[in-house]
Protein backbone atom coordinates (compact mmCIF):
# COMPACT_ATOMS: atom_id res chain seq x y z
CA MET A 1 0.00 0.00 0.00
CA LYS A 2 1.48 3.31 -1.07
CA ALA A 3 1.97 5.87 1.71
CA LYS A 4 0.25 9.22 1.33
CA SER A 5 2.55 11.83 -0.21
CA ARG A 6 3.68 14.73 1.95
CA LYS A 7 2.97 17.82 -0.14
CA VAL A 8 4.18 21.38 0.41
CA ALA A 9 3.31 24.46 -1.62
CA ILE A 10 5.64 27.45 -1.48
CA ILE A 11 4.00 30.76 -2.34
CA GLY A 12 6.69 33.08 -3.64
CA SER A 13 9.53 31.83 -5.82
CA GLY A 14 12.05 34.51 -4.89
CA MET A 15 15.17 34.13 -2.77
CA VAL A 16 13.37 33.05 0.42
CA GLY A 17 10.99 30.60 -1.26
CA SER A 18 13.68 29.01 -3.43
CA SER A 19 16.12 28.79 -0.49
CA CYS A 20 13.42 27.06 1.55
CA ALA A 21 12.73 24.59 -1.30
CA TYR A 22 16.44 23.90 -1.73
CA SER A 23 16.83 23.23 2.00
CA MET A 24 13.84 20.87 2.04
CA ILE A 25 15.09 18.98 -1.01
CA ASN A 26 18.52 18.41 0.52
CA GLN A 27 16.99 17.24 3.80
CA SER A 28 14.36 15.04 2.12
CA ILE A 29 11.63 16.70 4.15
CA CYS A 30 8.70 16.06 1.82
CA ASP A 31 7.69 14.12 -1.29
CA GLU A 32 6.38 17.00 -3.39
CA ILE A 33 7.03 20.74 -3.58
CA MET A 34 4.80 22.99 -5.64
CA MET A 35 6.22 26.41 -6.48
CA VAL A 36 3.67 29.20 -6.88
CA ASP A 37 4.41 32.74 -7.95
CA ARG A 38 2.62 35.78 -9.30
CA THR A 39 4.63 35.15 -12.47
CA TYR A 40 4.05 31.53 -13.49
CA ASP A 41 7.18 31.37 -15.65
CA ARG A 42 9.31 32.27 -12.64
CA ALA A 43 7.76 29.47 -10.60
CA LEU A 44 8.28 27.08 -13.49
CA ALA A 45 11.91 28.10 -13.92
CA GLN A 46 12.62 27.64 -10.21
CA ALA A 47 10.89 24.26 -10.22
CA MET A 48 12.95 23.13 -13.21
CA ASP A 49 16.20 24.34 -11.66
CA LEU A 50 15.41 22.69 -8.31
CA SER A 51 14.41 19.42 -9.98
CA HIS A 52 17.89 19.20 -11.45
CA CYS A 53 19.27 18.68 -7.92
CA MET A 54 17.87 15.17 -7.66
CA GLU A 55 20.88 13.40 -9.12
CA PHE A 56 22.92 14.71 -6.21
CA THR A 57 20.52 14.10 -3.29
CA HIS A 58 19.68 10.99 -1.26
CA THR A 59 16.00 10.87 -2.22
CA ARG A 60 13.84 12.25 -4.99
CA THR A 61 11.52 15.17 -4.31
CA LYS A 62 9.03 15.97 -7.04
CA VAL A 63 9.18 19.72 -7.76
CA TYR A 64 6.74 21.45 -10.09
CA ALA A 65 4.97 24.76 -10.69
CA GLY A 66 1.31 25.29 -9.86
CA THR A 67 -1.33 27.86 -9.01
CA TYR A 68 -3.59 28.64 -6.07
CA VAL A 69 -6.25 26.35 -7.57
CA ASP A 70 -3.87 23.41 -7.04
CA CYS A 71 -3.40 24.03 -3.29
CA GLY A 72 -6.37 22.00 -2.07
CA ASP A 73 -4.50 18.77 -1.27
CA MET A 74 -1.36 20.31 0.22
CA ASN A 75 -0.32 19.40 3.77
CA VAL A 76 1.57 22.63 4.37
CA ILE A 77 1.51 25.96 2.58
CA ILE A 78 4.50 28.24 3.08
CA ILE A 79 3.95 31.93 2.40
CA ALA A 80 7.26 33.48 1.39
CA ALA A 81 5.84 36.19 -0.88
CA GLY A 82 5.82 39.71 0.44
CA ALA A 83 7.08 43.25 0.22
CA ASN A 84 10.80 44.02 0.48
CA PRO A 85 11.98 46.84 2.77
CA LYS A 86 13.75 49.87 1.42
CA PRO A 87 16.78 51.43 3.13
CA GLY A 88 15.79 53.05 6.40
CA GLN A 89 12.48 51.17 6.70
CA THR A 90 11.51 48.79 9.50
CA ARG A 91 9.53 45.61 8.93
CA LEU A 92 6.41 47.40 10.18
CA ASP A 93 6.76 49.92 7.34
CA LEU A 94 5.80 47.11 4.97
CA LEU A 95 2.41 46.63 6.59
CA ASP A 96 0.09 48.26 4.05
CA GLU A 97 1.60 46.50 1.07
CA ALA A 98 1.84 43.22 2.99
CA ALA A 99 -1.86 43.40 3.90
CA ILE A 100 -2.89 43.62 0.25
CA ILE A 101 -0.57 40.80 -0.82
CA THR A 102 -1.71 38.54 2.05
CA LYS A 103 -5.39 38.85 1.17
CA GLU A 104 -4.63 38.20 -2.52
CA ILE A 105 -2.81 34.99 -1.53
CA VAL A 106 -4.95 33.53 1.24
CA THR A 107 -8.42 34.04 -0.26
CA PRO A 108 -7.93 31.81 -3.35
CA ILE A 109 -6.02 29.23 -1.32
CA ILE A 110 -9.00 28.78 1.00
CA LYS A 111 -11.31 28.57 -2.04
CA SER A 112 -9.15 25.69 -3.32
CA GLY A 113 -10.24 23.60 -0.33
CA PHE A 114 -6.92 23.72 1.51
CA ASP A 115 -7.25 22.46 5.09
CA GLY A 116 -3.64 21.98 6.13
CA ILE A 117 -1.22 24.20 8.02
CA PHE A 118 0.04 27.64 7.05
CA VAL A 119 3.68 28.55 7.72
CA ILE A 120 4.44 32.23 7.12
CA ALA A 121 7.70 34.10 6.60
CA ALA A 122 6.46 37.30 4.92
CA ASN A 123 7.19 40.46 6.91
CA PRO A 124 6.03 41.92 9.19
CA VAL A 125 5.63 38.26 10.04
CA ASP A 126 3.71 38.60 13.32
CA ILE A 127 1.03 40.78 11.75
CA VAL A 128 0.93 38.88 8.46
CA SER A 129 0.44 35.66 10.44
CA TYR A 130 -2.41 37.30 12.34
CA MET A 131 -3.98 38.35 9.02
CA VAL A 132 -3.66 34.82 7.64
CA TRP A 133 -5.43 33.52 10.75
CA LYS A 134 -8.28 36.02 10.39
CA ILE A 135 -8.71 35.76 6.61
CA SER A 136 -8.54 31.96 6.57
CA GLY A 137 -10.83 31.40 9.55
CA PHE A 138 -8.52 28.56 10.60
CA PRO A 139 -8.03 27.57 14.24
CA ARG A 140 -5.00 29.33 15.66
CA HIS A 141 -2.89 26.18 15.95
CA LYS A 142 -2.89 25.82 12.15
CA VAL A 143 -1.25 29.21 11.50
CA ILE A 144 2.47 29.47 12.30
CA GLY A 145 4.75 32.42 11.63
CA THR A 146 8.53 32.02 11.59
CA GLY A 147 8.53 34.67 14.32
CA THR A 148 11.76 34.79 16.30
CA SER A 149 12.99 31.37 15.18
CA ILE A 150 15.67 32.98 13.01
CA ASP A 151 16.51 35.52 15.74
CA SER A 152 16.94 32.70 18.26
CA SER A 153 19.27 30.95 15.82
CA ARG A 154 21.27 34.16 15.42
CA LEU A 155 21.49 34.47 19.20
CA LYS A 156 22.81 30.92 19.53
CA THR A 157 25.37 31.54 16.78
CA LEU A 158 26.66 34.68 18.49
CA LEU A 159 26.95 32.90 21.85
CA SER A 160 28.61 29.89 20.26
CA ASP A 161 31.40 32.19 19.06
CA VAL A 162 31.86 33.67 22.54
CA PHE A 163 31.94 30.31 24.34
CA SER A 164 33.59 28.31 21.52
CA ILE A 165 30.84 25.68 21.41
CA ASP A 166 28.36 24.26 18.93
CA PRO A 167 25.30 26.55 18.58
CA ARG A 168 23.09 23.54 19.28
CA SER A 169 24.56 23.33 22.77
CA VAL A 170 22.97 26.71 23.51
CA ASN A 171 19.33 26.76 24.54
CA GLY A 172 17.39 30.01 24.69
CA TYR A 173 15.10 32.31 22.80
CA ALA A 174 14.68 35.74 21.37
CA MET A 175 11.02 36.58 21.98
CA GLY A 176 8.42 39.15 21.04
CA GLU A 177 8.16 40.91 17.71
CA HIS A 178 10.37 39.79 14.86
CA GLY A 179 11.52 43.37 14.70
CA GLU A 180 12.67 46.33 16.75
CA SER A 181 10.90 45.44 20.02
CA GLN A 182 12.19 41.87 20.31
CA PHE A 183 14.25 40.88 23.35
CA VAL A 184 16.34 38.00 24.64
CA ALA A 185 14.91 36.10 27.61
CA TRP A 186 18.29 35.89 29.33
CA SER A 187 16.81 34.28 32.45
CA HIS A 188 16.15 31.17 30.34
CA VAL A 189 19.33 31.01 28.24
CA THR A 190 21.44 27.98 29.12
CA ILE A 191 24.69 26.52 27.82
CA GLY A 192 24.97 22.79 28.27
CA GLY A 193 22.05 23.06 30.69
CA LYS A 194 23.77 25.70 32.84
CA PRO A 195 22.15 29.17 33.01
CA ILE A 196 24.29 31.75 31.25
CA LEU A 197 23.75 34.22 34.10
CA HIS A 198 25.30 31.68 36.50
CA ILE A 199 28.26 31.13 34.15
CA LEU A 200 28.96 34.86 33.96
CA ALA A 201 28.68 35.23 37.75
CA GLN A 202 31.14 32.38 38.35
CA HIS A 203 33.64 33.45 35.70
CA ARG A 204 33.61 37.24 35.92
CA GLU A 205 37.20 37.73 34.78
CA ARG A 206 37.03 35.27 31.92
CA PHE A 207 33.90 36.85 30.44
CA GLN A 208 34.32 40.39 31.68
CA ASN A 209 34.09 41.77 28.15
CA LEU A 210 30.83 39.98 27.35
CA ASP A 211 28.02 42.52 27.10
CA LEU A 212 24.59 40.89 27.03
CA VAL A 213 22.97 44.13 25.88
CA ASP A 214 25.33 44.20 22.92
CA ILE A 215 24.63 40.53 22.11
CA ALA A 216 20.88 41.21 22.16
CA LYS A 217 21.35 44.21 19.87
CA LYS A 218 23.48 42.20 17.43
CA THR A 219 20.80 39.51 17.45
CA LYS A 220 18.12 42.05 16.58
CA ASP A 221 20.20 43.84 13.96
CA ALA A 222 21.70 40.77 12.25
CA GLY A 223 19.07 40.68 9.52
CA TRP A 224 19.68 44.30 8.62
CA GLU A 225 23.44 43.78 8.67
CA ILE A 226 22.96 41.14 5.97
CA PHE A 227 20.28 43.04 4.06
CA THR A 228 22.28 46.25 3.73
CA ARG A 229 25.26 44.33 2.35
CA LYS A 230 23.59 42.03 -0.18
CA GLY A 231 19.98 43.17 -0.51
CA SER A 232 18.26 40.16 1.03
CA THR A 233 18.36 37.52 3.74
CA HIS A 234 17.27 34.09 2.58
CA PHE A 235 19.46 31.13 3.57
CA GLY A 236 18.76 31.44 7.31
CA ILE A 237 15.04 32.08 7.04
CA GLY A 238 14.73 29.47 4.29
CA SER A 239 16.26 26.92 6.65
CA ALA A 240 13.96 28.07 9.47
CA LEU A 241 10.94 27.45 7.23
CA ALA A 242 12.26 23.99 6.36
CA PHE A 243 12.92 23.23 10.05
CA ILE A 244 9.37 24.17 11.07
CA THR A 245 7.88 22.23 8.16
CA ARG A 246 9.94 19.15 9.02
CA SER A 247 8.63 19.22 12.59
CA ILE A 248 5.08 19.34 11.22
CA LEU A 249 5.42 16.57 8.64
CA ASN A 250 7.48 14.29 10.90
CA ASP A 251 5.40 15.06 14.01
CA ASP A 252 8.70 15.89 15.72
CA HIS A 253 7.29 17.93 18.64
CA LYS A 254 10.28 20.27 18.47
CA ILE A 255 10.15 23.43 20.55
CA ILE A 256 10.70 26.39 18.23
CA ALA A 257 10.29 30.13 18.78
CA VAL A 258 7.46 30.85 16.33
CA SER A 259 4.87 33.54 15.86
CA ALA A 260 1.70 32.20 17.45
CA VAL A 261 -1.74 33.63 18.18
CA LEU A 262 -2.09 33.98 21.95
CA ASP A 263 -5.31 33.28 23.82
CA GLY A 264 -4.45 33.90 27.46
CA GLU A 265 -0.84 32.69 27.36
CA TYR A 266 1.55 35.15 28.98
CA GLY A 267 -1.55 37.13 29.99
CA GLN A 268 -2.10 38.22 26.38
CA SER A 269 -4.85 37.58 23.84
CA ASN A 270 -5.74 38.49 20.26
CA VAL A 271 -2.14 39.09 19.25
CA CYS A 272 0.39 37.06 17.26
CA ILE A 273 3.96 37.14 18.59
CA GLY A 274 7.18 35.17 18.90
CA VAL A 275 7.08 32.58 21.70
CA PRO A 276 8.49 29.06 22.11
CA ALA A 277 5.97 26.43 21.05
CA ILE A 278 5.78 22.69 20.47
CA ILE A 279 5.41 22.05 16.73
CA SER A 280 3.80 18.77 15.68
CA SER A 281 1.57 17.35 12.96
CA GLU A 282 -1.25 19.41 14.49
CA GLY A 283 0.69 22.62 13.97
CA ILE A 284 1.18 24.45 17.25
CA GLN A 285 0.63 21.64 19.71
CA GLU A 286 1.20 23.84 22.75
CA ILE A 287 2.65 27.25 23.56
CA VAL A 288 5.44 27.01 26.12
CA GLU A 289 4.97 29.65 28.83
CA LEU A 290 8.31 30.63 30.30
CA GLN A 291 8.41 32.22 33.73
CA LEU A 292 9.75 35.59 32.63
CA ASN A 293 11.29 37.96 35.15
CA GLU A 294 9.88 41.44 35.73
CA GLU A 295 12.00 43.17 33.08
CA GLU A 296 11.33 40.47 30.49
CA SER A 297 7.59 40.58 31.18
CA TYR A 298 7.62 44.33 30.64
CA LEU A 299 9.49 43.96 27.34
CA PHE A 300 7.13 41.20 26.21
CA ASN A 301 4.02 43.21 27.03
CA THR A 302 5.47 46.28 25.31
CA SER A 303 6.15 44.23 22.19
CA CYS A 304 2.58 42.88 22.28
CA ASP A 305 1.23 46.42 22.50
CA ILE A 306 3.24 47.50 19.46
CA ILE A 307 2.00 44.58 17.38
CA ARG A 308 -1.59 44.97 18.58
CA ASP A 309 -1.63 48.69 17.80
CA ASN A 310 -0.64 47.90 14.22
CA ILE A 311 -3.17 45.07 13.98
CA ASN A 312 -5.94 47.38 15.19
CA GLY A 313 -5.21 49.70 12.28
CA LEU A 314 -5.95 46.97 9.76
CA THR A 315 -9.22 46.47 7.94
CA VAL A 316 -8.11 43.98 5.28
CA TYR A 317 -9.24 40.85 7.13
CA HIS A 318 -12.74 42.11 8.00
């Protein structure tokens, strides 16, 4: 008996969408990838180029171009299409354009009969994810933004350089908005299971030059550092999309810092924001509520207020 194919549609065949597809192909995450783009020829060209990787990979992934009409039987739909920031803009400056694009994408996908899980990378990702939730009418666990997953990875990379260890030996999260108001929950950052604040207290001389405020700022600004030098960031976020999708399709139950709709967690509701969550075949299986200290709680609530204020100015999903 043939197993049911694991199908993923990627909306947006630009740098982020194609990097995500390339990452999934090389990790054998799914059986089929459908590339969708506003320009069909671009989606077709990317699908052709990606399909030529198969000789050099462990398994074969079927890659082809399609349209919104073909999305009905997909397990996961990744939204990587969105507006690109101009110099001097923040991610929130993209909101008006992003709102129009999001409605143009989600409405026909729902009409196709799609009933799987949305994974969103388009910026501003917290608000776009909220819009996808509202426009689709899906339960909140089936809408996942990349949120601060990439920021948490950047944090771990920075700390791995300081402590000369593998980034995967660092556990911790950037939380809040994937943007200017994000913060690092330092009270929950551990290295090899040991709290980083304890390490710094015990080895003051050894790490006397380590500035946690500076590390948090570098974490927040890393995307812009890349963007201003080459015009885009795509390998990291493409891999984050693949990582989240793999946890869904494999029912991995990995804990990832994603943008999730809150309904009472952290004392917040009706807002979508970066928090650690268990990702399974159901989507967001459970939001992990960390016991934040007073300063972190203030920063989290401030970030929620910023996102909510921008959400309240939207009319596109009504």
